Protein backbone atom coordinates (compact mmCIF):
# COMPACT_ATOMS: atom_id res chain seq x y z
CA MET A 1 51.23 0.47 120.28
CA LYS A 2 52.68 2.11 123.11
CA GLU A 3 53.30 5.65 123.73
CA LEU A 4 56.94 6.72 123.75
CA SER A 5 58.84 7.38 126.88
CA SER A 6 60.07 10.57 127.11
CA GLU A 7 63.38 9.39 127.53
CA PHE A 8 63.30 7.97 123.87
CA VAL A 9 61.75 11.32 122.48
CA ALA A 10 64.82 12.85 124.25
CA HIS A 11 67.33 10.51 123.11
CA ILE A 12 65.94 11.18 119.45
CA ARG A 13 65.70 14.83 119.75
CA SER A 14 69.70 14.92 121.43
CA ARG A 15 70.72 12.91 117.91
CA ILE A 16 68.77 14.44 115.25
CA PRO A 17 67.13 18.11 114.12
CA VAL A 18 63.89 17.06 114.76
CA HIS A 19 61.10 18.55 112.81
CA CYS A 20 58.45 16.44 114.36
CA ILE A 21 58.12 12.71 115.40
CA LEU A 22 55.82 10.69 113.92
CA THR A 23 54.32 7.16 115.61
CA SER A 24 52.11 4.77 113.94
CA SER A 25 49.22 2.45 115.46
CA ALA A 26 48.70 0.62 112.35
CA ILE A 27 49.66 -3.25 113.01
CA GLY A 28 52.56 -4.86 111.39
CA PRO A 29 55.81 -3.21 110.53
CA ALA A 30 54.49 -2.57 106.59
CA ARG A 31 51.57 -1.18 107.23
CA ALA A 32 52.88 1.16 110.15
CA ARG A 33 56.25 2.37 108.02
CA GLN A 34 53.52 2.91 104.82
CA GLU A 35 51.25 4.97 107.16
CA LEU A 36 54.23 6.71 108.27
CA ILE A 37 55.73 7.85 104.89
CA GLN A 38 52.38 9.09 103.82
CA ARG A 39 52.62 11.47 106.27
CA VAL A 40 55.89 13.07 106.18
CA ASP A 41 56.06 16.73 105.28
CA THR A 42 59.87 17.46 104.62
CA ASP A 43 62.36 16.54 102.01
CA TRP A 44 64.27 13.73 103.97
CA PHE A 45 63.28 12.00 107.16
CA SER A 46 64.45 9.05 109.32
CA PHE A 47 63.08 6.05 110.61
CA VAL A 48 63.96 5.10 113.73
CA ASP A 49 62.58 2.17 116.17
CA ASP A 50 62.45 2.69 119.88
CA ASP A 51 64.97 -0.55 120.50
CA VAL A 52 67.69 1.22 119.12
CA LYS A 53 70.07 3.86 120.33
CA LEU A 54 71.85 6.22 118.08
CA ARG A 55 75.48 7.21 118.32
CA PRO A 56 76.14 10.57 119.14
CA ASP A 57 78.07 10.54 115.59
CA TRP A 58 74.62 9.05 113.53
CA TRP A 59 73.57 12.34 112.41
CA SER A 60 76.98 13.41 110.80
CA ALA A 61 77.55 10.09 109.64
CA VAL A 62 74.35 9.40 107.43
CA THR A 63 74.23 12.48 106.44
CA GLY A 64 77.27 12.75 104.96
CA MET A 65 76.69 10.34 102.81
CA ILE A 66 73.69 12.34 100.89
CA GLY A 67 74.18 13.10 97.22
CA PRO A 68 71.92 13.63 94.48
CA ASP A 69 71.55 9.86 93.42
CA VAL A 70 71.18 9.06 97.17
CA GLY A 71 67.76 7.72 98.37
CA GLY A 72 68.41 5.86 101.50
CA VAL A 73 71.27 5.67 103.86
CA GLU A 74 70.80 3.16 106.62
CA GLY A 75 73.19 3.11 109.71
CA LEU A 76 75.17 0.08 110.59
CA TRP A 77 74.59 -1.70 113.82
CA SER A 78 75.70 -3.39 116.41
CA TYR A 79 73.92 -5.88 119.11
CA LEU A 80 76.99 -5.52 121.92
CA ALA A 81 74.34 -3.88 124.18
CA GLY A 82 71.41 -6.11 124.13
CA ASP A 83 72.69 -9.20 122.79
CA LYS A 84 76.14 -10.59 123.17
CA ARG A 85 75.97 -13.74 121.02
CA VAL A 86 74.23 -12.36 117.99
CA ASP A 87 77.49 -9.70 118.33
CA ASP A 88 80.04 -12.52 118.64
CA TYR A 89 78.56 -14.54 115.94
CA THR A 90 78.50 -11.18 113.91
CA ARG A 91 82.18 -10.67 114.55
CA ALA A 92 83.41 -14.04 114.07
CA MET A 93 81.54 -14.17 110.42
CA ALA A 94 83.52 -10.96 109.49
CA ARG A 95 86.77 -12.39 110.79
CA LEU A 96 86.12 -15.89 108.70
CA SER A 97 84.92 -13.39 105.43
CA LYS A 98 88.31 -11.87 105.83
CA LEU A 99 90.31 -15.21 106.08
CA LEU A 100 88.93 -16.42 103.06
CA ARG A 101 89.01 -13.48 101.23
CA GLN A 102 85.23 -13.11 100.79
CA GLU A 103 82.85 -10.39 100.88
CA SER A 104 81.36 -10.09 104.68
CA TRP A 105 78.00 -8.57 105.65
CA ARG A 106 79.31 -5.47 106.48
CA ASP A 107 80.70 -5.45 102.87
CA ARG A 108 77.42 -5.82 101.05
CA ILE A 109 73.83 -4.80 101.85
CA ASP A 110 71.85 -8.35 101.45
CA ARG A 111 69.02 -7.07 102.81
CA ALA A 112 68.21 -3.46 104.20
CA PHE A 113 67.27 -2.28 107.52
CA THR A 114 65.32 0.75 108.43
CA GLY A 115 65.71 0.74 112.33
CA ASP A 116 67.87 3.81 111.60
CA THR A 117 67.57 4.69 108.40
CA LEU A 118 67.40 8.42 106.66
CA LEU A 119 65.40 8.68 103.36
CA LEU A 120 64.47 10.86 100.78
CA ALA A 121 60.77 11.50 100.38
CA GLU A 122 61.18 11.50 96.91
CA ALA A 123 62.56 8.25 96.26
CA VAL A 124 59.54 6.61 98.51
CA LYS A 125 57.07 8.39 96.39
CA ASN A 126 53.70 6.47 95.71
CA ILE A 127 55.23 3.26 97.57
CA ARG A 128 52.04 0.87 97.96
CA MET A 129 53.88 -1.64 100.42
CA PRO A 130 51.96 -5.39 100.91
CA ASN A 131 51.44 -6.43 103.89
CA ILE A 132 54.07 -8.64 104.64
CA PRO A 133 55.13 -9.26 108.68
CA VAL A 134 59.33 -9.40 107.24
CA TRP A 135 61.29 -8.07 104.54
CA GLU A 136 59.34 -4.45 104.79
CA ASP A 137 63.02 -2.86 104.87
CA GLU A 138 64.16 -4.51 101.75
CA TYR A 139 60.75 -3.38 99.94
CA ILE A 140 61.30 -0.22 100.66
CA ARG A 141 64.77 -0.40 99.22
CA ARG A 142 64.00 -2.06 96.15
CA TRP A 143 61.38 0.87 95.61
CA VAL A 144 63.88 3.84 96.46
CA GLU A 145 66.59 2.04 93.74
CA LYS A 146 63.36 1.23 91.12
CA ASN A 147 63.23 5.01 91.32
CA GLY A 148 66.63 5.45 89.81
CA TYR A 149 68.36 6.13 93.55
CA ARG A 150 70.93 4.49 95.52
CA TRP A 151 70.83 2.67 99.03
CA LEU A 152 73.75 3.01 101.42
CA ARG A 153 74.79 1.91 104.71
CA THR A 154 77.42 3.82 106.89
CA PRO A 155 80.97 1.75 106.87
CA LYS A 156 80.85 1.79 110.81
CA VAL A 157 78.51 0.97 113.50
CA VAL A 158 76.41 4.37 114.39
CA CYS A 159 73.40 2.33 116.08
CA ASP A 160 72.91 0.00 119.03
CA HIS A 161 70.37 -2.45 119.45
CA LEU A 162 69.16 -2.92 123.14
CA ARG A 163 67.14 -5.93 122.69
CA THR A 164 67.63 -9.62 122.64
CA TYR A 165 67.44 -10.87 118.89
CA ASN A 166 63.94 -12.33 118.36
CA LEU A 167 64.37 -15.59 116.41
CA LYS A 168 60.71 -15.99 116.07
CA PRO A 169 60.23 -14.36 113.07
CA SER A 170 63.07 -16.12 111.45
CA TYR A 171 60.58 -18.75 109.91
CA ASN A 172 59.03 -15.90 107.91
CA VAL A 173 62.15 -14.49 106.75
CA GLY A 174 63.08 -17.57 104.92
CA LYS A 175 59.25 -17.90 103.49
CA TYR A 176 58.85 -14.00 102.86
CA GLY A 177 62.78 -14.07 101.61
CA TYR A 178 61.77 -16.35 98.96
CA TYR A 179 58.77 -14.79 97.80
CA MET A 180 60.69 -11.59 97.02
CA GLY A 181 63.09 -13.43 95.00
CA LYS A 182 66.13 -12.66 97.72
CA LEU A 183 66.39 -16.76 99.02
CA ARG A 184 66.48 -19.89 97.30
CA VAL A 185 65.95 -23.38 98.69
CA ARG A 186 69.64 -24.59 97.10
CA SER A 187 71.23 -20.90 98.02
CA GLN A 188 70.01 -22.32 101.56
CA LEU A 189 70.80 -26.00 101.53
CA LYS A 190 74.17 -24.52 100.95
CA ARG A 191 74.31 -22.25 104.00
CA LEU A 192 73.35 -25.02 105.86
CA SER A 193 76.32 -27.25 104.58
CA GLN A 194 78.84 -24.69 105.99
CA LEU A 195 77.06 -24.46 108.90
CA PRO A 196 79.43 -26.81 111.14
CA ILE A 197 82.10 -25.06 110.02
CA LYS A 198 80.45 -21.85 111.10
CA VAL A 199 79.58 -22.34 114.58
CA LEU A 200 83.19 -24.13 115.26
CA PHE A 201 85.11 -21.12 113.92
CA SER A 202 82.72 -18.97 115.80
CA LEU A 203 82.73 -20.89 119.15
CA ALA A 204 87.10 -21.05 118.59
CA TYR A 205 87.20 -17.26 117.72
CA THR A 206 84.16 -16.35 120.43
CA GLY A 207 84.94 -18.83 122.93
CA ASN A 208 80.84 -18.14 123.64
CA PRO A 209 78.93 -21.25 123.14
CA ALA A 210 75.55 -19.36 122.89
CA THR A 211 76.49 -18.52 119.21
CA VAL A 212 76.02 -22.21 118.45
CA ALA A 213 72.53 -22.67 119.41
CA PHE A 214 71.57 -19.16 117.95
CA ALA A 215 73.11 -19.70 114.46
CA ILE A 216 71.82 -23.33 114.42
CA ASP A 217 68.33 -22.02 114.92
CA LYS A 218 68.36 -19.07 112.67
CA ASP A 219 69.78 -20.86 109.69
CA VAL A 220 67.26 -24.00 109.79
CA ASN A 221 64.30 -22.15 110.70
CA ILE A 222 64.94 -19.43 107.39
CA PHE A 223 65.61 -22.67 105.35
CA LYS A 224 62.53 -24.41 106.53
CA GLY A 225 60.23 -20.89 105.69
CA ALA A 226 62.22 -20.98 102.00
CA LEU A 227 61.15 -24.35 101.68
CA GLN A 228 57.59 -23.56 102.62
CA ALA A 229 57.49 -20.76 100.23
CA TYR A 230 58.59 -22.87 97.33
CA VAL A 231 56.22 -25.68 97.87
CA GLN A 232 53.48 -22.86 97.50
CA ARG A 233 54.53 -20.80 94.68
CA ASN A 234 55.14 -24.30 92.91
CA SER A 235 51.20 -25.01 93.89
CA GLY A 236 50.06 -21.90 92.72
CA SER A 237 49.54 -20.04 95.88
CA PRO A 238 48.47 -16.33 95.22
CA LEU A 239 51.17 -15.45 97.88
CA TYR A 240 54.10 -15.61 96.08
CA SER A 241 52.94 -12.07 94.08
CA LEU A 242 52.54 -9.83 96.97
CA ALA A 243 55.69 -9.02 97.86
CA GLN A 244 56.89 -8.19 94.47
CA PRO A 245 57.74 -4.80 94.30
């Protein structure tokens, strides 16, 4: 891993009362987070990815949700600063869910995010993460909840992504999401069948044609990954047991 920029370090110190900043050169997000967790010597610690910017109220927002049964608090994020098509599509889907009187992604946590998250060290004690390229965030959440703690997310946006959304890992999102029991081929087929309505609504709501290609590429790749995992599981692949907490 490259050395952290002085700008990023200064930003972190301006947002969080820093005890120390730990970095990892381990290859892969799961191995890196595993190594960092083992080096923590405080009761609480934060994961902050270097492609995010914490808003001024991040610290007060996440610490304000701490309670005796809370093991993790993730900050709600926005892609507006880094990828407008993602932010537009996200807003469109939240609006569509409201019109249909359904929960939106903001109302539930389908997949945890540790890019700007405060964690209780005791809640992740003795965690042993498999070397998975994605979903390591969700694996951490499952461990936290397995230990009897709650995982929360701030109700308002407190973090901004500063990069373009990377669609390349979406295939692995489907594959390892299936291994972890978070995704099913049938549910992904249902998502694909709803895709025409979603992209048309998004286009009408935002006027941004880039949201269409983004949504199609993401959902199709996730379905392909889940389908491959389904085939591998039914052929007795040992990979299926790797991601179980």
